[in-house]
Amino acid sequence: MRPGRSARLLRAAAALYVALVAAGVLAGALTGAPPDATVPLYFATLPGSLLVTVFVLFPAGALAGPGDPGAAHPFGLLVPLVGGAVLNVLLVWAVLALARKAAASRRTGR
């Protein structure tokens, strides 16, 4: 497999992952599914959904102050789950880039 082709396949897989999570969240919201129906999506987007919740949504809720709890994130589960999926893609990209750099420096160091 050519290097350019594998990179395109990885980008397509990442885009498909994010799109499937977004479709799952939207399908659950449009059908009025119970909150328990999103548990598989939470597991599919860990640790990104947890990081988005802790470092984005909780501070946004604190900045909004007391009052309507939905005012801080009016999009429901779309932000933590799709944001978590995007963050997971970025984390995997960073790990792969770091591994490539380490392998390249090891080859040049010999």
PDB file of N, CA and C in Angstrom:
ATOM      1  N   MET A   1       0.843  -1.172   0.000  1.00  0.00           N
ATOM      2  CA  MET A   1       0.000   0.000   0.000  1.00  0.00           C
ATOM      3  C   MET A   1       0.889   1.236   0.000  1.00  0.00           C
ATOM      4  N   ARG A   2       0.576   2.191  -0.842  1.00  0.00           N
ATOM      5  CA  ARG A   2       1.367   3.412  -0.942  1.00  0.00           C
ATOM      6  C   ARG A   2       1.148   4.281   0.302  1.00  0.00           C
ATOM      7  N   PRO A   3       2.182   5.048   0.706  1.00  0.00           N
ATOM      8  CA  PRO A   3       2.032   5.892   1.895  1.00  0.00           C
ATOM      9  C   PRO A   3       0.911   6.930   1.766  1.00  0.00           C
ATOM     10  N   GLY A   4       0.723   7.506   0.597  1.00  0.00           N
ATOM     11  CA  GLY A   4      -0.332   8.499   0.425  1.00  0.00           C
ATOM     12  C   GLY A   4      -1.712   7.892   0.571  1.00  0.00           C
ATOM     13  N   ARG A   5      -1.839   6.656   0.110  1.00  0.00           N
ATOM     14  CA  ARG A   5      -3.133   5.991   0.195  1.00  0.00           C
ATOM     15  C   ARG A   5      -3.486   5.652   1.636  1.00  0.00           C
ATOM     16  N   SER A   6      -2.519   5.217   2.422  1.00  0.00           N
ATOM     17  CA  SER A   6      -2.803   4.877   3.811  1.00  0.00           C
ATOM     18  C   SER A   6      -3.191   6.126   4.610  1.00  0.00           C
ATOM     19  N   ALA A   7      -2.571   7.253   4.298  1.00  0.00           N
ATOM     20  CA  ALA A   7      -2.934   8.492   5.001  1.00  0.00           C
ATOM     21  C   ALA A   7      -4.358   8.899   4.655  1.00  0.00           C
ATOM     22  N   ARG A   8      -4.740   8.728   3.385  1.00  0.00           N
ATOM     23  CA  ARG A   8      -6.122   9.057   2.998  1.00  0.00           C
ATOM     24  C   ARG A   8      -7.116   8.130   3.678  1.00  0.00           C
ATOM     25  N   LEU A   9      -6.763   6.854   3.784  1.00  0.00           N
ATOM     26  CA  LEU A   9      -7.646   5.902   4.452  1.00  0.00           C
ATOM     27  C   LEU A   9      -7.804   6.232   5.930  1.00  0.00           C
ATOM     28  N   LEU A  10      -6.721   6.636   6.571  1.00  0.00           N
ATOM     29  CA  LEU A  10      -6.800   7.020   7.986  1.00  0.00           C
ATOM     30  C   LEU A  10      -7.665   8.268   8.172  1.00  0.00           C
ATOM     31  N   ARG A  11      -7.517   9.240   7.283  1.00  0.00           N
ATOM     32  CA  ARG A  11      -8.360  10.442   7.374  1.00  0.00           C
ATOM     33  C   ARG A  11      -9.823  10.103   7.142  1.00  0.00           C
ATOM     34  N   ALA A  12     -10.085   9.212   6.188  1.00  0.00           N
ATOM     35  CA  ALA A  12     -11.468   8.803   5.922  1.00  0.00           C
ATOM     36  C   ALA A  12     -12.047   8.052   7.109  1.00  0.00           C
ATOM     37  N   ALA A  13     -11.246   7.191   7.744  1.00  0.00           N
ATOM     38  CA  ALA A  13     -11.718   6.457   8.921  1.00  0.00           C
ATOM     39  C   ALA A  13     -12.015   7.411  10.077  1.00  0.00           C
ATOM     40  N   ALA A  14     -11.169   8.420  10.260  1.00  0.00           N
ATOM     41  CA  ALA A  14     -11.401   9.399  11.318  1.00  0.00           C
ATOM     42  C   ALA A  14     -12.669  10.198  11.055  1.00  0.00           C
ATOM     43  N   ALA A  15     -12.865  10.612   9.810  1.00  0.00           N
ATOM     44  CA  ALA A  15     -14.074  11.363   9.464  1.00  0.00           C
ATOM     45  C   ALA A  15     -15.318  10.495   9.625  1.00  0.00           C
ATOM     46  N   LEU A  16     -15.209   9.219   9.271  1.00  0.00           N
ATOM     47  CA  LEU A  16     -16.347   8.311   9.429  1.00  0.00           C
ATOM     48  C   LEU A  16     -16.684   8.110  10.900  1.00  0.00           C
ATOM     49  N   TYR A  17     -15.672   7.998  11.755  1.00  0.00           N
ATOM     50  CA  TYR A  17     -15.874   7.847  13.196  1.00  0.00           C
ATOM     51  C   TYR A  17     -16.632   9.049  13.758  1.00  0.00           C
ATOM     52  N   VAL A  18     -16.185  10.248  13.419  1.00  0.00           N
ATOM     53  CA  VAL A  18     -16.848  11.456  13.914  1.00  0.00           C
ATOM     54  C   VAL A  18     -18.267  11.557  13.352  1.00  0.00           C
ATOM     55  N   ALA A  19     -18.436  11.231  12.073  1.00  0.00           N
ATOM     56  CA  ALA A  19     -19.762  11.300  11.460  1.00  0.00           C
ATOM     57  C   ALA A  19     -20.720  10.286  12.072  1.00  0.00           C
ATOM     58  N   LEU A  20     -20.248   9.086  12.379  1.00  0.00           N
ATOM     59  CA  LEU A  20     -21.117   8.086  12.997  1.00  0.00           C
ATOM     60  C   LEU A  20     -21.533   8.493  14.407  1.00  0.00           C
ATOM     61  N   VAL A  21     -20.623   9.088  15.156  1.00  0.00           N
ATOM     62  CA  VAL A  21     -20.985   9.572  16.491  1.00  0.00           C
ATOM     63  C   VAL A  21     -22.015  10.688  16.375  1.00  0.00           C
ATOM     64  N   ALA A  22     -21.803  11.616  15.455  1.00  0.00           N
ATOM     65  CA  ALA A  22     -22.762  12.711  15.272  1.00  0.00           C
ATOM     66  C   ALA A  22     -24.125  12.174  14.836  1.00  0.00           C
ATOM     67  N   ALA A  23     -24.131  11.191  13.935  1.00  0.00           N
ATOM     68  CA  ALA A  23     -25.394  10.606  13.489  1.00  0.00           C
ATOM     69  C   ALA A  23     -26.099   9.891  14.634  1.00  0.00           C
ATOM     70  N   GLY A  24     -25.343   9.215  15.482  1.00  0.00           N
ATOM     71  CA  GLY A  24     -25.942   8.542  16.636  1.00  0.00           C
ATOM     72  C   GLY A  24     -26.565   9.513  17.618  1.00  0.00           C
ATOM     73  N   VAL A  25     -25.870  10.614  17.876  1.00  0.00           N
ATOM     74  CA  VAL A  25     -26.413  11.628  18.790  1.00  0.00           C
ATOM     75  C   VAL A  25     -27.659  12.262  18.198  1.00  0.00           C
ATOM     76  N   LEU A  26     -27.598  12.625  16.927  1.00  0.00           N
ATOM     77  CA  LEU A  26     -28.770  13.247  16.293  1.00  0.00           C
ATOM     78  C   LEU A  26     -29.945  12.282  16.200  1.00  0.00           C
ATOM     79  N   ALA A  27     -29.683  11.016  15.912  1.00  0.00           N
ATOM     80  CA  ALA A  27     -30.767  10.036  15.846  1.00  0.00           C
ATOM     81  C   ALA A  27     -31.416   9.859  17.213  1.00  0.00           C
ATOM     82  N   GLY A  28     -30.611   9.829  18.250  1.00  0.00           N
ATOM     83  CA  GLY A  28     -31.162   9.714  19.598  1.00  0.00           C
ATOM     84  C   GLY A  28     -31.980  10.933  19.991  1.00  0.00           C
ATOM     85  N   ALA A  29     -31.521  12.107  19.576  1.00  0.00           N
ATOM     86  CA  ALA A  29     -32.249  13.332  19.911  1.00  0.00           C
ATOM     87  C   ALA A  29     -33.548  13.441  19.133  1.00  0.00           C
ATOM     88  N   LEU A  30     -33.519  13.063  17.868  1.00  0.00           N
ATOM     89  CA  LEU A  30     -34.724  13.191  17.043  1.00  0.00           C
ATOM     90  C   LEU A  30     -35.784  12.151  17.379  1.00  0.00           C
ATOM     91  N   THR A  31     -35.372  10.971  17.829  1.00  0.00           N
ATOM     92  CA  THR A  31     -36.345   9.933  18.159  1.00  0.00           C
ATOM     93  C   THR A  31     -36.816  10.007  19.595  1.00  0.00           C
ATOM     94  N   GLY A  32     -36.209  10.873  20.389  1.00  0.00           N
ATOM     95  CA  GLY A  32     -36.606  10.983  21.786  1.00  0.00           C
ATOM     96  C   GLY A  32     -36.179   9.777  22.605  1.00  0.00           C
ATOM     97  N   ALA A  33     -35.039   9.222  22.277  1.00  0.00           N
ATOM     98  CA  ALA A  33     -34.534   8.040  22.984  1.00  0.00           C
ATOM     99  C   ALA A  33     -34.220   8.399  24.435  1.00  0.00           C
ATOM    100  N   PRO A  34     -34.350   7.426  25.340  1.00  0.00           N
ATOM    101  CA  PRO A  34     -34.015   7.695  26.743  1.00  0.00           C
ATOM    102  C   PRO A  34     -32.524   7.973  26.888  1.00  0.00           C
ATOM    103  N   PRO A  35     -32.135   8.630  27.964  1.00  0.00           N
ATOM    104  CA  PRO A  35     -30.709   8.944  28.149  1.00  0.00           C
ATOM    105  C   PRO A  35     -29.814   7.712  28.201  1.00  0.00           C
ATOM    106  N   ASP A  36     -30.367   6.572  28.602  1.00  0.00           N
ATOM    107  CA  ASP A  36     -29.553   5.359  28.649  1.00  0.00           C
ATOM    108  C   ASP A  36     -29.114   4.892  27.262  1.00  0.00           C
ATOM    109  N   ALA A  37     -29.767   5.343  26.228  1.00  0.00           N
ATOM    110  CA  ALA A  37     -29.418   4.920  24.875  1.00  0.00           C
ATOM    111  C   ALA A  37     -28.091   5.505  24.413  1.00  0.00           C
ATOM    112  N   THR A  38     -27.608   6.545  25.071  1.00  0.00           N
ATOM    113  CA  THR A  38     -26.350   7.171  24.660  1.00  0.00           C
ATOM    114  C   THR A  38     -25.134   6.584  25.368  1.00  0.00           C
ATOM    115  N   VAL A  39     -25.324   5.613  26.239  1.00  0.00           N
ATOM    116  CA  VAL A  39     -24.197   5.022  26.963  1.00  0.00           C
ATOM    117  C   VAL A  39     -23.161   4.421  26.008  1.00  0.00           C
ATOM    118  N   PRO A  40     -23.552   3.685  24.959  1.00  0.00           N
ATOM    119  CA  PRO A  40     -22.517   3.185  24.033  1.00  0.00           C
ATOM    120  C   PRO A  40     -21.735   4.305  23.346  1.00  0.00           C
ATOM    121  N   LEU A  41     -22.399   5.423  23.083  1.00  0.00           N
ATOM    122  CA  LEU A  41     -21.679   6.543  22.469  1.00  0.00           C
ATOM    123  C   LEU A  41     -20.669   7.146  23.442  1.00  0.00           C
ATOM    124  N   TYR A  42     -21.007   7.193  24.727  1.00  0.00           N
ATOM    125  CA  TYR A  42     -20.037   7.679  25.708  1.00  0.00           C
ATOM    126  C   TYR A  42     -18.809   6.774  25.734  1.00  0.00           C
ATOM    127  N   PHE A  43     -19.020   5.459  25.718  1.00  0.00           N
ATOM    128  CA  PHE A  43     -17.883   4.541  25.728  1.00  0.00           C
ATOM    129  C   PHE A  43     -17.079   4.636  24.441  1.00  0.00           C
ATOM    130  N   ALA A  44     -17.737   4.896  23.327  1.00  0.00           N
ATOM    131  CA  ALA A  44     -17.038   5.000  22.044  1.00  0.00           C
ATOM    132  C   ALA A  44     -16.203   6.269  21.954  1.00  0.00           C
ATOM    133  N   THR A  45     -16.530   7.276  22.757  1.00  0.00           N
ATOM    134  CA  THR A  45     -15.814   8.547  22.666  1.00  0.00           C
ATOM    135  C   THR A  45     -14.916   8.820  23.872  1.00  0.00           C
ATOM    136  N   LEU A  46     -14.744   7.844  24.757  1.00  0.00           N
ATOM    137  CA  LEU A  46     -13.823   8.041  25.869  1.00  0.00           C
ATOM    138  C   LEU A  46     -12.399   8.032  25.347  1.00  0.00           C
ATOM    139  N   PRO A  47     -11.481   8.756  25.853  1.00  0.00           N
ATOM    140  CA  PRO A  47     -11.492   9.732  26.921  1.00  0.00           C
ATOM    141  C   PRO A  47     -11.859  11.146  26.468  1.00  0.00           C
ATOM    142  N   GLY A  48     -12.056  11.325  25.170  1.00  0.00           N
ATOM    143  CA  GLY A  48     -12.312  12.667  24.654  1.00  0.00           C
ATOM    144  C   GLY A  48     -13.563  13.307  25.220  1.00  0.00           C
ATOM    145  N   SER A  49     -14.651  12.534  25.354  1.00  0.00           N
ATOM    146  CA  SER A  49     -15.890  13.114  25.874  1.00  0.00           C
ATOM    147  C   SER A  49     -15.725  13.543  27.327  1.00  0.00           C
ATOM    148  N   LEU A  50     -14.952  12.801  28.084  1.00  0.00           N
ATOM    149  CA  LEU A  50     -14.697  13.176  29.466  1.00  0.00           C
ATOM    150  C   LEU A  50     -13.881  14.461  29.541  1.00  0.00           C
ATOM    151  N   LEU A  51     -12.866  14.577  28.701  1.00  0.00           N
ATOM    152  CA  LEU A  51     -12.036  15.780  28.694  1.00  0.00           C
ATOM    153  C   LEU A  51     -12.823  17.008  28.241  1.00  0.00           C
ATOM    154  N   VAL A  52     -13.676  16.853  27.250  1.00  0.00           N
ATOM    155  CA  VAL A  52     -14.501  17.980  26.798  1.00  0.00           C
ATOM    156  C   VAL A  52     -15.466  18.395  27.895  1.00  0.00           C
ATOM    157  N   THR A  53     -16.048  17.427  28.578  1.00  0.00           N
ATOM    158  CA  THR A  53     -16.991  17.740  29.649  1.00  0.00           C
ATOM    159  C   THR A  53     -16.299  18.481  30.787  1.00  0.00           C
ATOM    160  N   VAL A  54     -15.139  17.975  31.209  1.00  0.00           N
ATOM    161  CA  VAL A  54     -14.458  18.567  32.361  1.00  0.00           C
ATOM    162  C   VAL A  54     -13.829  19.918  32.035  1.00  0.00           C
ATOM    163  N   PHE A  55     -13.197  20.031  30.862  1.00  0.00           N
ATOM    164  CA  PHE A  55     -12.433  21.241  30.578  1.00  0.00           C
ATOM    165  C   PHE A  55     -13.164  22.272  29.724  1.00  0.00           C
ATOM    166  N   VAL A  56     -14.345  21.931  29.189  1.00  0.00           N
ATOM    167  CA  VAL A  56     -15.107  22.896  28.392  1.00  0.00           C
ATOM    168  C   VAL A  56     -16.485  23.153  28.992  1.00  0.00           C
ATOM    169  N   LEU A  57     -17.246  22.085  29.223  1.00  0.00           N
ATOM    170  CA  LEU A  57     -18.631  22.273  29.654  1.00  0.00           C
ATOM    171  C   LEU A  57     -18.766  22.693  31.113  1.00  0.00           C
ATOM    172  N   PHE A  58     -17.975  22.104  32.001  1.00  0.00           N
ATOM    173  CA  PHE A  58     -18.053  22.519  33.396  1.00  0.00           C
ATOM    174  C   PHE A  58     -17.639  23.981  33.589  1.00  0.00           C
ATOM    175  N   PRO A  59     -16.521  24.434  32.986  1.00  0.00           N
ATOM    176  CA  PRO A  59     -16.207  25.865  33.101  1.00  0.00           C
ATOM    177  C   PRO A  59     -17.258  26.763  32.437  1.00  0.00           C
ATOM    178  N   ALA A  60     -17.851  26.318  31.337  1.00  0.00           N
ATOM    179  CA  ALA A  60     -18.904  27.113  30.698  1.00  0.00           C
ATOM    180  C   ALA A  60     -20.113  27.225  31.607  1.00  0.00           C
ATOM    181  N   GLY A  61     -20.440  26.159  32.309  1.00  0.00           N
ATOM    182  CA  GLY A  61     -21.544  26.201  33.262  1.00  0.00           C
ATOM    183  C   GLY A  61     -21.242  27.100  34.440  1.00  0.00           C
ATOM    184  N   ALA A  62     -19.980  27.105  34.881  1.00  0.00           N
ATOM    185  CA  ALA A  62     -19.604  27.980  35.989  1.00  0.00           C
ATOM    186  C   ALA A  62     -19.636  29.442  35.560  1.00  0.00           C
ATOM    187  N   LEU A  63     -19.245  29.725  34.315  1.00  0.00           N
ATOM    188  CA  LEU A  63     -19.283  31.105  33.832  1.00  0.00           C
ATOM    189  C   LEU A  63     -20.704  31.598  33.611  1.00  0.00           C
ATOM    190  N   ALA A  64     -21.617  30.670  33.284  1.00  0.00           N
ATOM    191  CA  ALA A  64     -23.019  31.059  33.066  1.00  0.00           C
ATOM    192  C   ALA A  64     -23.692  31.436  34.370  1.00  0.00           C
ATOM    193  N   GLY A  65     -23.174  30.918  35.480  1.00  0.00           N
ATOM    194  CA  GLY A  65     -23.729  31.258  36.775  1.00  0.00           C
ATOM    195  C   GLY A  65     -24.982  30.454  37.079  1.00  0.00           C
ATOM    196  N   PRO A  66     -25.589  30.756  38.221  1.00  0.00           N
ATOM    197  CA  PRO A  66     -26.797  30.024  38.588  1.00  0.00           C
ATOM    198  C   PRO A  66     -27.961  30.393  37.672  1.00  0.00           C
ATOM    199  N   GLY A  67     -28.867  29.488  37.570  1.00  0.00           N
ATOM    200  CA  GLY A  67     -30.017  29.731  36.710  1.00  0.00           C
ATOM    201  C   GLY A  67     -30.341  28.503  35.907  1.00  0.00           C
ATOM    202  N   ASP A  68     -30.631  28.705  34.659  1.00  0.00           N
ATOM    203  CA  ASP A  68     -31.027  27.616  33.782  1.00  0.00           C
ATOM    204  C   ASP A  68     -29.839  26.700  33.516  1.00  0.00           C
ATOM    205  N   PRO A  69     -29.920  25.414  33.915  1.00  0.00           N
ATOM    206  CA  PRO A  69     -28.773  24.523  33.693  1.00  0.00           C
ATOM    207  C   PRO A  69     -28.519  24.234  32.215  1.00  0.00           C
ATOM    208  N   GLY A  70     -29.495  24.403  31.354  1.00  0.00           N
ATOM    209  CA  GLY A  70     -29.294  24.165  29.937  1.00  0.00           C
ATOM    210  C   GLY A  70     -28.704  25.339  29.198  1.00  0.00           C
ATOM    211  N   ALA A  71     -28.542  26.454  29.872  1.00  0.00           N
ATOM    212  CA  ALA A  71     -28.022  27.653  29.209  1.00  0.00           C
ATOM    213  C   ALA A  71     -26.546  27.525  28.862  1.00  0.00           C
ATOM    214  N   ALA A  72     -25.790  26.748  29.636  1.00  0.00           N
ATOM    215  CA  ALA A  72     -24.354  26.637  29.399  1.00  0.00           C
ATOM    216  C   ALA A  72     -24.055  25.831  28.140  1.00  0.00           C
ATOM    217  N   HIS A  73     -24.814  24.792  27.882  1.00  0.00           N
ATOM    218  CA  HIS A  73     -24.605  23.993  26.669  1.00  0.00           C
ATOM    219  C   HIS A  73     -25.973  23.574  26.116  1.00  0.00           C
ATOM    220  N   PRO A  74     -26.544  24.434  25.291  1.00  0.00           N
ATOM    221  CA  PRO A  74     -27.898  24.186  24.799  1.00  0.00           C
ATOM    222  C   PRO A  74     -28.011  23.081  23.758  1.00  0.00           C
ATOM    223  N   PHE A  75     -26.897  22.552  23.283  1.00  0.00           N
ATOM    224  CA  PHE A  75     -26.945  21.531  22.240  1.00  0.00           C
ATOM    225  C   PHE A  75     -27.006  20.121  22.800  1.00  0.00           C
ATOM    226  N   GLY A  76     -27.185  19.984  24.081  1.00  0.00           N
ATOM    227  CA  GLY A  76     -27.323  18.672  24.703  1.00  0.00           C
ATOM    228  C   GLY A  76     -26.053  17.853  24.605  1.00  0.00           C
ATOM    229  N   LEU A  77     -26.193  16.630  24.128  1.00  0.00           N
ATOM    230  CA  LEU A  77     -25.062  15.705  24.066  1.00  0.00           C
ATOM    231  C   LEU A  77     -24.209  15.881  22.825  1.00  0.00           C
ATOM    232  N   LEU A  78     -24.620  16.739  21.927  1.00  0.00           N
ATOM    233  CA  LEU A  78     -23.867  16.911  20.683  1.00  0.00           C
ATOM    234  C   LEU A  78     -22.452  17.426  20.950  1.00  0.00           C
ATOM    235  N   VAL A  79     -22.337  18.397  21.827  1.00  0.00           N
ATOM    236  CA  VAL A  79     -21.021  18.989  22.095  1.00  0.00           C
ATOM    237  C   VAL A  79     -20.083  18.012  22.802  1.00  0.00           C
ATOM    238  N   PRO A  80     -20.493  17.373  23.910  1.00  0.00           N
ATOM    239  CA  PRO A  80     -19.518  16.494  24.559  1.00  0.00           C
ATOM    240  C   PRO A  80     -19.171  15.246  23.751  1.00  0.00           C
ATOM    241  N   LEU A  81     -20.133  14.666  23.064  1.00  0.00           N
ATOM    242  CA  LEU A  81     -19.838  13.419  22.360  1.00  0.00           C
ATOM    243  C   LEU A  81     -19.118  13.647  21.037  1.00  0.00           C
ATOM    244  N   VAL A  82     -19.587  14.577  20.226  1.00  0.00           N
ATOM    245  CA  VAL A  82     -18.904  14.841  18.954  1.00  0.00           C
ATOM    246  C   VAL A  82     -17.576  15.552  19.216  1.00  0.00           C
ATOM    247  N   GLY A  83     -17.564  16.458  20.173  1.00  0.00           N
ATOM    248  CA  GLY A  83     -16.299  17.089  20.553  1.00  0.00           C
ATOM    249  C   GLY A  83     -15.311  16.069  21.089  1.00  0.00           C
ATOM    250  N   GLY A  84     -15.804  15.097  21.841  1.00  0.00           N
ATOM    251  CA  GLY A  84     -14.941  14.022  22.333  1.00  0.00           C
ATOM    252  C   GLY A  84     -14.401  13.166  21.211  1.00  0.00           C
ATOM    253  N   ALA A  85     -15.232  12.894  20.210  1.00  0.00           N
ATOM    254  CA  ALA A  85     -14.766  12.112  19.057  1.00  0.00           C
ATOM    255  C   ALA A  85     -13.684  12.868  18.297  1.00  0.00           C
ATOM    256  N   VAL A  86     -13.882  14.162  18.107  1.00  0.00           N
ATOM    257  CA  VAL A  86     -12.864  14.975  17.426  1.00  0.00           C
ATOM    258  C   VAL A  86     -11.578  15.011  18.257  1.00  0.00           C
ATOM    259  N   LEU A  87     -11.720  15.157  19.565  1.00  0.00           N
ATOM    260  CA  LEU A  87     -10.543  15.169  20.427  1.00  0.00           C
ATOM    261  C   LEU A  87      -9.817  13.825  20.394  1.00  0.00           C
ATOM    262  N   ASN A  88     -10.554  12.724  20.332  1.00  0.00           N
ATOM    263  CA  ASN A  88      -9.915  11.406  20.210  1.00  0.00           C
ATOM    264  C   ASN A  88      -9.120  11.294  18.922  1.00  0.00           C
ATOM    265  N   VAL A  89      -9.677  11.799  17.831  1.00  0.00           N
ATOM    266  CA  VAL A  89      -8.953  11.780  16.555  1.00  0.00           C
ATOM    267  C   VAL A  89      -7.668  12.591  16.675  1.00  0.00           C
ATOM    268  N   LEU A  90      -7.740  13.740  17.304  1.00  0.00           N
ATOM    269  CA  LEU A  90      -6.544  14.569  17.476  1.00  0.00           C
ATOM    270  C   LEU A  90      -5.520  13.907  18.387  1.00  0.00           C
ATOM    271  N   LEU A  91      -5.982  13.217  19.422  1.00  0.00           N
ATOM    272  CA  LEU A  91      -5.057  12.511  20.309  1.00  0.00           C
ATOM    273  C   LEU A  91      -4.342  11.380  19.576  1.00  0.00           C
ATOM    274  N   VAL A  92      -5.069  10.620  18.783  1.00  0.00           N
ATOM    275  CA  VAL A  92      -4.432   9.532  18.016  1.00  0.00           C
ATOM    276  C   VAL A  92      -3.458  10.110  17.002  1.00  0.00           C
ATOM    277  N   TRP A  93      -3.833  11.210  16.348  1.00  0.00           N
ATOM    278  CA  TRP A  93      -2.933  11.856  15.399  1.00  0.00           C
ATOM    279  C   TRP A  93      -1.640  12.291  16.097  1.00  0.00           C
ATOM    280  N   ALA A  94      -1.745  12.866  17.300  1.00  0.00           N
ATOM    281  CA  ALA A  94      -0.561  13.320  18.024  1.00  0.00           C
ATOM    282  C   ALA A  94       0.330  12.150  18.424  1.00  0.00           C
ATOM    283  N   VAL A  95      -0.263  11.061  18.861  1.00  0.00           N
ATOM    284  CA  VAL A  95       0.528   9.886  19.242  1.00  0.00           C
ATOM    285  C   VAL A  95       1.241   9.299  18.032  1.00  0.00           C
ATOM    286  N   LEU A  96       0.548   9.214  16.899  1.00  0.00           N
ATOM    287  CA  LEU A  96       1.191   8.693  15.686  1.00  0.00           C
ATOM    288  C   LEU A  96       2.310   9.615  15.204  1.00  0.00           C
ATOM    289  N   ALA A  97       2.102  10.914  15.277  1.00  0.00           N
ATOM    290  CA  ALA A  97       3.150  11.859  14.880  1.00  0.00           C
ATOM    291  C   ALA A  97       4.365  11.737  15.799  1.00  0.00           C
ATOM    292  N   LEU A  98       4.128  11.584  17.084  1.00  0.00           N
ATOM    293  CA  LEU A  98       5.225  11.426  18.031  1.00  0.00           C
ATOM    294  C   LEU A  98       5.984  10.125  17.773  1.00  0.00           C
ATOM    295  N   ALA A  99       5.269   9.061  17.472  1.00  0.00           N
ATOM    296  CA  ALA A  99       5.924   7.783  17.182  1.00  0.00           C
ATOM    297  C   ALA A  99       6.752   7.871  15.904  1.00  0.00           C
ATOM    298  N   ARG A 100       6.229   8.568  14.878  1.00  0.00           N
ATOM    299  CA  ARG A 100       7.002   8.734  13.644  1.00  0.00           C
ATOM    300  C   ARG A 100       8.264   9.548  13.898  1.00  0.00           C
ATOM    301  N   LYS A 101       8.154  10.605  14.684  1.00  0.00           N
ATOM    302  CA  LYS A 101       9.339  11.431  14.988  1.00  0.00           C
ATOM    303  C   LYS A 101      10.367  10.630  15.785  1.00  0.00           C
ATOM    304  N   ALA A 102       9.884   9.832  16.745  1.00  0.00           N
ATOM    305  CA  ALA A 102      10.822   9.027  17.545  1.00  0.00           C
ATOM    306  C   ALA A 102      11.514   7.987  16.671  1.00  0.00           C
ATOM    307  N   ALA A 103      10.774   7.363  15.765  1.00  0.00           N
ATOM    308  CA  ALA A 103      11.386   6.373  14.879  1.00  0.00           C
ATOM    309  C   ALA A 103      12.385   7.033  13.929  1.00  0.00           C
ATOM    310  N   ALA A 104      12.065   8.220  13.435  1.00  0.00           N
ATOM    311  CA  ALA A 104      12.991   8.919  12.537  1.00  0.00           C
ATOM    312  C   ALA A 104      14.251   9.349  13.272  1.00  0.00           C
ATOM    313  N   SER A 105      14.123   9.810  14.498  1.00  0.00           N
ATOM    314  CA  SER A 105      15.310  10.228  15.251  1.00  0.00           C
ATOM    315  C   SER A 105      16.139   9.020  15.651  1.00  0.00           C
ATOM    316  N   ARG A 106      15.515   7.891  15.868  1.00  0.00           N
ATOM    317  CA  ARG A 106      16.267   6.687  16.201  1.00  0.00           C
ATOM    318  C   ARG A 106      17.061   6.204  15.004  1.00  0.00           C
ATOM    319  N   ARG A 107      16.458   6.313  13.799  1.00  0.00           N
ATOM    320  CA  ARG A 107      17.176   5.896  12.574  1.00  0.00           C
ATOM    321  C   ARG A 107      18.355   6.821  12.297  1.00  0.00           C
ATOM    322  N   THR A 108      18.182   8.115  12.489  1.00  0.00           N
ATOM    323  CA  THR A 108      19.277   9.044  12.204  1.00  0.00           C
ATOM    324  C   THR A 108      20.336   9.018  13.299  1.00  0.00           C
ATOM    325  N   GLY A 109      20.004   8.554  14.477  1.00  0.00           N
ATOM    326  CA  GLY A 109      20.958   8.495  15.570  1.00  0.00           C
ATOM    327  C   GLY A 109      21.922   7.339  15.472  1.00  0.00           C
ATOM    328  N   ARG A 110      21.629   6.375  14.646  1.00  0.00           N
ATOM    329  CA  ARG A 110      22.526   5.202  14.545  1.00  0.00           C
ATOM    330  C   ARG A 110      23.679   5.444  13.643  1.00  0.00           C
TER     331      ARG A 110
END
